[in-house]
Amino acid sequence: MSKSTSSKESANPYAEWFEQLRAEYGDQLRQMPLPDGLPEHLHTLVLSRDEEAITLMLKLAWQFGAQAGFAAGQSQNAEPSVPRTRNVQA
């Protein structure tokens, strides 16, 4: 990594965050398999410099992750469902 790239990335909070995640979880993530064909497809996109397709993949991953996180948060905040009973008066 060149010196100018390094200083440019350090000014970007997302770059810093991704580097922190890579340092913290890199080993685990390297062991995580991706769907068949995806690594090869991504490699092809990188070699062809298809930033539009790569950006689309990132946006989809970000959106799916955000939705999963939101759903997980909602289920944690949900009160347990308790069957309602009717009070019957005689």
PDB file of N, CA and C in Angstrom:
ATOM      1  N   MET A   1       0.857  -1.175   0.000  1.00  0.00           N
ATOM      2  CA  MET A   1       0.000   0.000   0.000  1.00  0.00           C
ATOM      3  C   MET A   1       0.898   1.231   0.000  1.00  0.00           C
ATOM      4  N   SER A   2       0.608   2.164  -0.866  1.00  0.00           N
ATOM      5  CA  SER A   2       1.436   3.364  -0.941  1.00  0.00           C
ATOM      6  C   SER A   2       1.124   4.294   0.215  1.00  0.00           C
ATOM      7  N   LYS A   3       2.045   5.200   0.453  1.00  0.00           N
ATOM      8  CA  LYS A   3       1.883   6.138   1.566  1.00  0.00           C
ATOM      9  C   LYS A   3       0.654   7.021   1.373  1.00  0.00           C
ATOM     10  N   SER A   4       0.406   7.479   0.127  1.00  0.00           N
ATOM     11  CA  SER A   4      -0.751   8.339  -0.111  1.00  0.00           C
ATOM     12  C   SER A   4      -2.050   7.571   0.091  1.00  0.00           C
ATOM     13  N   THR A   5      -2.079   6.296  -0.312  1.00  0.00           N
ATOM     14  CA  THR A   5      -3.274   5.488  -0.106  1.00  0.00           C
ATOM     15  C   THR A   5      -3.517   5.291   1.383  1.00  0.00           C
ATOM     16  N   SER A   6      -2.459   5.032   2.122  1.00  0.00           N
ATOM     17  CA  SER A   6      -2.588   4.799   3.555  1.00  0.00           C
ATOM     18  C   SER A   6      -3.153   6.021   4.261  1.00  0.00           C
ATOM     19  N   SER A   7      -2.650   7.208   3.952  1.00  0.00           N
ATOM     20  CA  SER A   7      -3.165   8.408   4.617  1.00  0.00           C
ATOM     21  C   SER A   7      -4.578   8.728   4.160  1.00  0.00           C
ATOM     22  N   LYS A   8      -4.883   8.411   2.887  1.00  0.00           N
ATOM     23  CA  LYS A   8      -6.230   8.649   2.381  1.00  0.00           C
ATOM     24  C   LYS A   8      -7.218   7.724   3.089  1.00  0.00           C
ATOM     25  N   GLU A   9      -6.844   6.437   3.267  1.00  0.00           N
ATOM     26  CA  GLU A   9      -7.733   5.494   3.924  1.00  0.00           C
ATOM     27  C   GLU A   9      -7.904   5.800   5.403  1.00  0.00           C
ATOM     28  N   SER A  10      -6.869   6.281   6.056  1.00  0.00           N
ATOM     29  CA  SER A  10      -6.990   6.555   7.481  1.00  0.00           C
ATOM     30  C   SER A  10      -7.945   7.711   7.754  1.00  0.00           C
ATOM     31  N   ALA A  11      -8.177   8.560   6.747  1.00  0.00           N
ATOM     32  CA  ALA A  11      -9.118   9.656   6.906  1.00  0.00           C
ATOM     33  C   ALA A  11     -10.556   9.195   6.663  1.00  0.00           C
ATOM     34  N   ASN A  12     -10.722   7.970   6.171  1.00  0.00           N
ATOM     35  CA  ASN A  12     -12.044   7.445   5.867  1.00  0.00           C
ATOM     36  C   ASN A  12     -12.491   6.530   7.007  1.00  0.00           C
ATOM     37  N   PRO A  13     -13.555   6.886   7.709  1.00  0.00           N
ATOM     38  CA  PRO A  13     -13.980   6.077   8.853  1.00  0.00           C
ATOM     39  C   PRO A  13     -14.372   4.653   8.454  1.00  0.00           C
ATOM     40  N   TYR A  14     -14.922   4.479   7.249  1.00  0.00           N
ATOM     41  CA  TYR A  14     -15.278   3.130   6.810  1.00  0.00           C
ATOM     42  C   TYR A  14     -14.041   2.287   6.575  1.00  0.00           C
ATOM     43  N   ALA A  15     -13.001   2.862   5.985  1.00  0.00           N
ATOM     44  CA  ALA A  15     -11.754   2.133   5.763  1.00  0.00           C
ATOM     45  C   ALA A  15     -11.153   1.714   7.107  1.00  0.00           C
ATOM     46  N   GLU A  16     -11.173   2.613   8.080  1.00  0.00           N
ATOM     47  CA  GLU A  16     -10.660   2.281   9.411  1.00  0.00           C
ATOM     48  C   GLU A  16     -11.487   1.167  10.050  1.00  0.00           C
ATOM     49  N   TRP A  17     -12.789   1.252   9.905  1.00  0.00           N
ATOM     50  CA  TRP A  17     -13.688   0.252  10.481  1.00  0.00           C
ATOM     51  C   TRP A  17     -13.453  -1.115   9.837  1.00  0.00           C
ATOM     52  N   PHE A  18     -13.351  -1.143   8.505  1.00  0.00           N
ATOM     53  CA  PHE A  18     -13.109  -2.410   7.814  1.00  0.00           C
ATOM     54  C   PHE A  18     -11.765  -3.010   8.209  1.00  0.00           C
ATOM     55  N   GLU A  19     -10.753  -2.166   8.361  1.00  0.00           N
ATOM     56  CA  GLU A  19      -9.445  -2.672   8.780  1.00  0.00           C
ATOM     57  C   GLU A  19      -9.504  -3.236  10.198  1.00  0.00           C
ATOM     58  N   GLN A  20     -10.269  -2.583  11.065  1.00  0.00           N
ATOM     59  CA  GLN A  20     -10.439  -3.080  12.427  1.00  0.00           C
ATOM     60  C   GLN A  20     -11.156  -4.429  12.404  1.00  0.00           C
ATOM     61  N   LEU A  21     -12.200  -4.549  11.586  1.00  0.00           N
ATOM     62  CA  LEU A  21     -12.922  -5.815  11.468  1.00  0.00           C
ATOM     63  C   LEU A  21     -12.027  -6.905  10.895  1.00  0.00           C
ATOM     64  N   ARG A  22     -11.207  -6.542   9.901  1.00  0.00           N
ATOM     65  CA  ARG A  22     -10.304  -7.522   9.317  1.00  0.00           C
ATOM     66  C   ARG A  22      -9.300  -8.018  10.358  1.00  0.00           C
ATOM     67  N   ALA A  23      -8.769  -7.097  11.164  1.00  0.00           N
ATOM     68  CA  ALA A  23      -7.808  -7.484  12.195  1.00  0.00           C
ATOM     69  C   ALA A  23      -8.474  -8.367  13.252  1.00  0.00           C
ATOM     70  N   GLU A  24      -9.717  -8.039  13.589  1.00  0.00           N
ATOM     71  CA  GLU A  24     -10.413  -8.748  14.657  1.00  0.00           C
ATOM     72  C   GLU A  24     -10.994 -10.087  14.211  1.00  0.00           C
ATOM     73  N   TYR A  25     -11.574 -10.114  13.014  1.00  0.00           N
ATOM     74  CA  TYR A  25     -12.318 -11.292  12.556  1.00  0.00           C
ATOM     75  C   TYR A  25     -11.764 -11.922  11.281  1.00  0.00           C
ATOM     76  N   GLY A  26     -10.620 -11.444  10.799  1.00  0.00           N
ATOM     77  CA  GLY A  26     -10.075 -11.911   9.527  1.00  0.00           C
ATOM     78  C   GLY A  26      -9.907 -13.409   9.440  1.00  0.00           C
ATOM     79  N   ASP A  27      -9.364 -14.029  10.485  1.00  0.00           N
ATOM     80  CA  ASP A  27      -9.156 -15.478  10.458  1.00  0.00           C
ATOM     81  C   ASP A  27     -10.479 -16.226  10.325  1.00  0.00           C
ATOM     82  N   GLN A  28     -11.469 -15.810  11.086  1.00  0.00           N
ATOM     83  CA  GLN A  28     -12.781 -16.466  11.025  1.00  0.00           C
ATOM     84  C   GLN A  28     -13.410 -16.273   9.649  1.00  0.00           C
ATOM     85  N   LEU A  29     -13.322 -15.065   9.124  1.00  0.00           N
ATOM     86  CA  LEU A  29     -13.962 -14.780   7.841  1.00  0.00           C
ATOM     87  C   LEU A  29     -13.270 -15.494   6.685  1.00  0.00           C
ATOM     88  N   ARG A  30     -11.950 -15.673   6.769  1.00  0.00           N
ATOM     89  CA  ARG A  30     -11.240 -16.410   5.721  1.00  0.00           C
ATOM     90  C   ARG A  30     -11.708 -17.858   5.661  1.00  0.00           C
ATOM     91  N   GLN A  31     -12.132 -18.396   6.785  1.00  0.00           N
ATOM     92  CA  GLN A  31     -12.600 -19.780   6.834  1.00  0.00           C
ATOM     93  C   GLN A  31     -14.055 -19.922   6.388  1.00  0.00           C
ATOM     94  N   MET A  32     -14.771 -18.810   6.284  1.00  0.00           N
ATOM     95  CA  MET A  32     -16.178 -18.849   5.913  1.00  0.00           C
ATOM     96  C   MET A  32     -16.305 -19.062   4.405  1.00  0.00           C
ATOM     97  N   PRO A  33     -16.967 -20.146   4.003  1.00  0.00           N
ATOM     98  CA  PRO A  33     -17.098 -20.390   2.564  1.00  0.00           C
ATOM     99  C   PRO A  33     -18.114 -19.443   1.930  1.00  0.00           C
ATOM    100  N   LEU A  34     -17.866 -19.115   0.685  1.00  0.00           N
ATOM    101  CA  LEU A  34     -18.812 -18.353  -0.109  1.00  0.00           C
ATOM    102  C   LEU A  34     -19.507 -19.318  -1.071  1.00  0.00           C
ATOM    103  N   PRO A  35     -20.638 -18.944  -1.607  1.00  0.00           N
ATOM    104  CA  PRO A  35     -21.325 -19.825  -2.557  1.00  0.00           C
ATOM    105  C   PRO A  35     -20.413 -20.178  -3.736  1.00  0.00           C
ATOM    106  N   ASP A  36     -20.591 -21.396  -4.242  1.00  0.00           N
ATOM    107  CA  ASP A  36     -19.801 -21.848  -5.389  1.00  0.00           C
ATOM    108  C   ASP A  36     -19.873 -20.841  -6.527  1.00  0.00           C
ATOM    109  N   GLY A  37     -18.725 -20.503  -7.065  1.00  0.00           N
ATOM    110  CA  GLY A  37     -18.638 -19.603  -8.211  1.00  0.00           C
ATOM    111  C   GLY A  37     -18.499 -18.136  -7.849  1.00  0.00           C
ATOM    112  N   LEU A  38     -18.888 -17.747  -6.635  1.00  0.00           N
ATOM    113  CA  LEU A  38     -18.835 -16.327  -6.277  1.00  0.00           C
ATOM    114  C   LEU A  38     -17.408 -15.787  -6.207  1.00  0.00           C
ATOM    115  N   PRO A  39     -16.465 -16.490  -5.564  1.00  0.00           N
ATOM    116  CA  PRO A  39     -15.098 -15.949  -5.541  1.00  0.00           C
ATOM    117  C   PRO A  39     -14.516 -15.762  -6.948  1.00  0.00           C
ATOM    118  N   GLU A  40     -14.790 -16.712  -7.835  1.00  0.00           N
ATOM    119  CA  GLU A  40     -14.292 -16.599  -9.211  1.00  0.00           C
ATOM    120  C   GLU A  40     -14.944 -15.424  -9.934  1.00  0.00           C
ATOM    121  N   HIS A  41     -16.241 -15.238  -9.717  1.00  0.00           N
ATOM    122  CA  HIS A  41     -16.951 -14.128 -10.350  1.00  0.00           C
ATOM    123  C   HIS A  41     -16.409 -12.792  -9.843  1.00  0.00           C
ATOM    124  N   LEU A  42     -16.199 -12.690  -8.546  1.00  0.00           N
ATOM    125  CA  LEU A  42     -15.661 -11.463  -7.978  1.00  0.00           C
ATOM    126  C   LEU A  42     -14.262 -11.186  -8.523  1.00  0.00           C
ATOM    127  N   HIS A  43     -13.458 -12.239  -8.631  1.00  0.00           N
ATOM    128  CA  HIS A  43     -12.109 -12.086  -9.183  1.00  0.00           C
ATOM    129  C   HIS A  43     -12.176 -11.533 -10.611  1.00  0.00           C
ATOM    130  N   THR A  44     -13.098 -12.055 -11.401  1.00  0.00           N
ATOM    131  CA  THR A  44     -13.285 -11.571 -12.771  1.00  0.00           C
ATOM    132  C   THR A  44     -13.697 -10.100 -12.780  1.00  0.00           C
ATOM    133  N   LEU A  45     -14.598  -9.730 -11.861  1.00  0.00           N
ATOM    134  CA  LEU A  45     -15.037  -8.333 -11.782  1.00  0.00           C
ATOM    135  C   LEU A  45     -13.885  -7.411 -11.397  1.00  0.00           C
ATOM    136  N   VAL A  46     -13.053  -7.858 -10.470  1.00  0.00           N
ATOM    137  CA  VAL A  46     -11.903  -7.053 -10.044  1.00  0.00           C
ATOM    138  C   VAL A  46     -10.932  -6.886 -11.208  1.00  0.00           C
ATOM    139  N   LEU A  47     -10.624  -7.992 -11.894  1.00  0.00           N
ATOM    140  CA  LEU A  47      -9.688  -7.917 -13.019  1.00  0.00           C
ATOM    141  C   LEU A  47     -10.210  -7.022 -14.141  1.00  0.00           C
ATOM    142  N   SER A  48     -11.514  -7.042 -14.357  1.00  0.00           N
ATOM    143  CA  SER A  48     -12.100  -6.201 -15.411  1.00  0.00           C
ATOM    144  C   SER A  48     -12.408  -4.794 -14.915  1.00  0.00           C
ATOM    145  N   ARG A  49     -12.114  -4.552 -13.646  1.00  0.00           N
ATOM    146  CA  ARG A  49     -12.337  -3.235 -13.021  1.00  0.00           C
ATOM    147  C   ARG A  49     -13.793  -2.774 -13.142  1.00  0.00           C
ATOM    148  N   ASP A  50     -14.699  -3.726 -12.960  1.00  0.00           N
ATOM    149  CA  ASP A  50     -16.130  -3.424 -13.054  1.00  0.00           C
ATOM    150  C   ASP A  50     -16.622  -2.901 -11.708  1.00  0.00           C
ATOM    151  N   GLU A  51     -16.296  -1.638 -11.439  1.00  0.00           N
ATOM    152  CA  GLU A  51     -16.664  -1.033 -10.157  1.00  0.00           C
ATOM    153  C   GLU A  51     -18.168  -0.983  -9.956  1.00  0.00           C
ATOM    154  N   GLU A  52     -18.916  -0.807 -11.020  1.00  0.00           N
ATOM    155  CA  GLU A  52     -20.369  -0.731 -10.899  1.00  0.00           C
ATOM    156  C   GLU A  52     -20.939  -2.044 -10.354  1.00  0.00           C
ATOM    157  N   ALA A  53     -20.482  -3.173 -10.885  1.00  0.00           N
ATOM    158  CA  ALA A  53     -20.973  -4.476 -10.415  1.00  0.00           C
ATOM    159  C   ALA A  53     -20.507  -4.749  -8.986  1.00  0.00           C
ATOM    160  N   ILE A  54     -19.262  -4.404  -8.675  1.00  0.00           N
ATOM    161  CA  ILE A  54     -18.738  -4.622  -7.319  1.00  0.00           C
ATOM    162  C   ILE A  54     -19.498  -3.751  -6.319  1.00  0.00           C
ATOM    163  N   THR A  55     -19.765  -2.513  -6.698  1.00  0.00           N
ATOM    164  CA  THR A  55     -20.533  -1.613  -5.835  1.00  0.00           C
ATOM    165  C   THR A  55     -21.942  -2.149  -5.616  1.00  0.00           C
ATOM    166  N   LEU A  56     -22.554  -2.683  -6.671  1.00  0.00           N
ATOM    167  CA  LEU A  56     -23.884  -3.278  -6.535  1.00  0.00           C
ATOM    168  C   LEU A  56     -23.846  -4.440  -5.542  1.00  0.00           C
ATOM    169  N   MET A  57     -22.823  -5.287  -5.649  1.00  0.00           N
ATOM    170  CA  MET A  57     -22.696  -6.414  -4.714  1.00  0.00           C
ATOM    171  C   MET A  57     -22.560  -5.909  -3.278  1.00  0.00           C
ATOM    172  N   LEU A  58     -21.765  -4.870  -3.088  1.00  0.00           N
ATOM    173  CA  LEU A  58     -21.591  -4.312  -1.741  1.00  0.00           C
ATOM    174  C   LEU A  58     -22.890  -3.714  -1.213  1.00  0.00           C
ATOM    175  N   LYS A  59     -23.606  -3.011  -2.077  1.00  0.00           N
ATOM    176  CA  LYS A  59     -24.876  -2.416  -1.648  1.00  0.00           C
ATOM    177  C   LYS A  59     -25.881  -3.486  -1.249  1.00  0.00           C
ATOM    178  N   LEU A  60     -25.935  -4.560  -2.045  1.00  0.00           N
ATOM    179  CA  LEU A  60     -26.851  -5.654  -1.709  1.00  0.00           C
ATOM    180  C   LEU A  60     -26.459  -6.302  -0.385  1.00  0.00           C
ATOM    181  N   ALA A  61     -25.173  -6.567  -0.211  1.00  0.00           N
ATOM    182  CA  ALA A  61     -24.707  -7.175   1.038  1.00  0.00           C
ATOM    183  C   ALA A  61     -25.005  -6.258   2.217  1.00  0.00           C
ATOM    184  N   TRP A  62     -24.766  -4.967   2.044  1.00  0.00           N
ATOM    185  CA  TRP A  62     -25.026  -3.996   3.112  1.00  0.00           C
ATOM    186  C   TRP A  62     -26.518  -3.980   3.448  1.00  0.00           C
ATOM    187  N   GLN A  63     -27.362  -3.964   2.414  1.00  0.00           N
ATOM    188  CA  GLN A  63     -28.807  -3.919   2.619  1.00  0.00           C
ATOM    189  C   GLN A  63     -29.295  -5.185   3.318  1.00  0.00           C
ATOM    190  N   PHE A  64     -28.834  -6.348   2.844  1.00  0.00           N
ATOM    191  CA  PHE A  64     -29.250  -7.603   3.469  1.00  0.00           C
ATOM    192  C   PHE A  64     -28.779  -7.662   4.916  1.00  0.00           C
ATOM    193  N   GLY A  65     -27.565  -7.213   5.177  1.00  0.00           N
ATOM    194  CA  GLY A  65     -27.045  -7.192   6.540  1.00  0.00           C
ATOM    195  C   GLY A  65     -27.833  -6.256   7.431  1.00  0.00           C
ATOM    196  N   ALA A  66     -28.182  -5.099   6.886  1.00  0.00           N
ATOM    197  CA  ALA A  66     -28.966  -4.138   7.663  1.00  0.00           C
ATOM    198  C   ALA A  66     -30.350  -4.698   7.984  1.00  0.00           C
ATOM    199  N   GLN A  67     -30.947  -5.366   7.007  1.00  0.00           N
ATOM    200  CA  GLN A  67     -32.268  -5.954   7.242  1.00  0.00           C
ATOM    201  C   GLN A  67     -32.196  -7.062   8.285  1.00  0.00           C
ATOM    202  N   ALA A  68     -31.164  -7.900   8.194  1.00  0.00           N
ATOM    203  CA  ALA A  68     -31.011  -8.980   9.173  1.00  0.00           C
ATOM    204  C   ALA A  68     -30.764  -8.408  10.566  1.00  0.00           C
ATOM    205  N   GLY A  69     -29.942  -7.371  10.645  1.00  0.00           N
ATOM    206  CA  GLY A  69     -29.676  -6.739  11.937  1.00  0.00           C
ATOM    207  C   GLY A  69     -30.916  -6.100  12.519  1.00  0.00           C
ATOM    208  N   PHE A  70     -31.687  -5.437  11.665  1.00  0.00           N
ATOM    209  CA  PHE A  70     -32.930  -4.812  12.117  1.00  0.00           C
ATOM    210  C   PHE A  70     -33.898  -5.871  12.631  1.00  0.00           C
ATOM    211  N   ALA A  71     -34.039  -6.967  11.866  1.00  0.00           N
ATOM    212  CA  ALA A  71     -34.953  -8.038  12.277  1.00  0.00           C
ATOM    213  C   ALA A  71     -34.497  -8.659  13.595  1.00  0.00           C
ATOM    214  N   ALA A  72     -33.193  -8.852  13.754  1.00  0.00           N
ATOM    215  CA  ALA A  72     -32.680  -9.421  15.000  1.00  0.00           C
ATOM    216  C   ALA A  72     -32.957  -8.477  16.162  1.00  0.00           C
ATOM    217  N   GLY A  73     -32.774  -7.187  15.945  1.00  0.00           N
ATOM    218  CA  GLY A  73     -33.050  -6.211  16.989  1.00  0.00           C
ATOM    219  C   GLY A  73     -34.521  -6.176  17.358  1.00  0.00           C
ATOM    220  N   GLN A  74     -35.371  -6.274  16.352  1.00  0.00           N
ATOM    221  CA  GLN A  74     -36.807  -6.265  16.609  1.00  0.00           C
ATOM    222  C   GLN A  74     -37.218  -7.500  17.413  1.00  0.00           C
ATOM    223  N   SER A  75     -36.644  -8.654  17.081  1.00  0.00           N
ATOM    224  CA  SER A  75     -37.038  -9.867  17.798  1.00  0.00           C
ATOM    225  C   SER A  75     -36.520  -9.845  19.234  1.00  0.00           C
ATOM    226  N   GLN A  76     -35.405  -9.170  19.484  1.00  0.00           N
ATOM    227  CA  GLN A  76     -34.900  -9.062  20.858  1.00  0.00           C
ATOM    228  C   GLN A  76     -35.763  -8.124  21.684  1.00  0.00           C
ATOM    229  N   ASN A  77     -36.318  -7.112  21.033  1.00  0.00           N
ATOM    230  CA  ASN A  77     -37.130  -6.136  21.753  1.00  0.00           C
ATOM    231  C   ASN A  77     -38.586  -6.557  21.884  1.00  0.00           C
ATOM    232  N   ALA A  78     -38.965  -7.585  21.147  1.00  0.00           N
ATOM    233  CA  ALA A  78     -40.357  -8.019  21.191  1.00  0.00           C
ATOM    234  C   ALA A  78     -40.643  -8.691  22.520  1.00  0.00           C
ATOM    235  N   GLU A  79     -41.812  -8.408  23.034  1.00  0.00           N
ATOM    236  CA  GLU A  79     -42.212  -9.063  24.281  1.00  0.00           C
ATOM    237  C   GLU A  79     -42.663 -10.472  23.949  1.00  0.00           C
ATOM    238  N   PRO A  80     -42.382 -11.412  24.831  1.00  0.00           N
ATOM    239  CA  PRO A  80     -42.825 -12.779  24.567  1.00  0.00           C
ATOM    240  C   PRO A  80     -44.337 -12.820  24.435  1.00  0.00           C
ATOM    241  N   SER A  81     -44.792 -13.596  23.476  1.00  0.00           N
ATOM    242  CA  SER A  81     -46.234 -13.648  23.289  1.00  0.00           C
ATOM    243  C   SER A  81     -46.840 -14.568  24.342  1.00  0.00           C
ATOM    244  N   VAL A  82     -47.799 -14.037  25.018  1.00  0.00           N
ATOM    245  CA  VAL A  82     -48.497 -14.780  26.061  1.00  0.00           C
ATOM    246  C   VAL A  82     -49.935 -14.924  25.600  1.00  0.00           C
ATOM    247  N   PRO A  83     -50.437 -16.147  25.609  1.00  0.00           N
ATOM    248  CA  PRO A  83     -51.814 -16.297  25.172  1.00  0.00           C
ATOM    249  C   PRO A  83     -52.745 -15.494  26.067  1.00  0.00           C
ATOM    250  N   ARG A  84     -53.627 -14.802  25.438  1.00  0.00           N
ATOM    251  CA  ARG A  84     -54.612 -14.018  26.217  1.00  0.00           C
ATOM    252  C   ARG A  84     -55.758 -14.908  26.628  1.00  0.00           C
ATOM    253  N   THR A  85     -56.178 -14.729  27.846  1.00  0.00           N
ATOM    254  CA  THR A  85     -57.338 -15.493  28.321  1.00  0.00           C
ATOM    255  C   THR A  85     -58.448 -14.522  28.604  1.00  0.00           C
ATOM    256  N   ARG A  86     -59.632 -14.982  28.417  1.00  0.00           N
ATOM    257  CA  ARG A  86     -60.783 -14.149  28.708  1.00  0.00           C
ATOM    258  C   ARG A  86     -61.248 -14.417  30.138  1.00  0.00           C
ATOM    259  N   ASN A  87     -61.605 -13.366  30.776  1.00  0.00           N
ATOM    260  CA  ASN A  87     -62.188 -13.538  32.105  1.00  0.00           C
ATOM    261  C   ASN A  87     -63.691 -13.771  31.924  1.00  0.00           C
ATOM    262  N   VAL A  88     -64.117 -14.865  32.429  1.00  0.00           N
ATOM    263  CA  VAL A  88     -65.527 -15.171  32.308  1.00  0.00           C
ATOM    264  C   VAL A  88     -66.155 -14.978  33.681  1.00  0.00           C
ATOM    265  N   GLN A  89     -67.199 -14.188  33.716  1.00  0.00           N
ATOM    266  CA  GLN A  89     -67.909 -13.978  34.974  1.00  0.00           C
ATOM    267  C   GLN A  89     -69.224 -14.737  34.935  1.00  0.00           C
ATOM    268  N   ALA A  90     -69.524 -15.356  36.046  1.00  0.00           N
ATOM    269  CA  ALA A  90     -70.777 -16.109  36.117  1.00  0.00           C
ATOM    270  C   ALA A  90     -71.842 -15.291  36.775  1.00  0.00           C
TER     271      ALA A  90
END
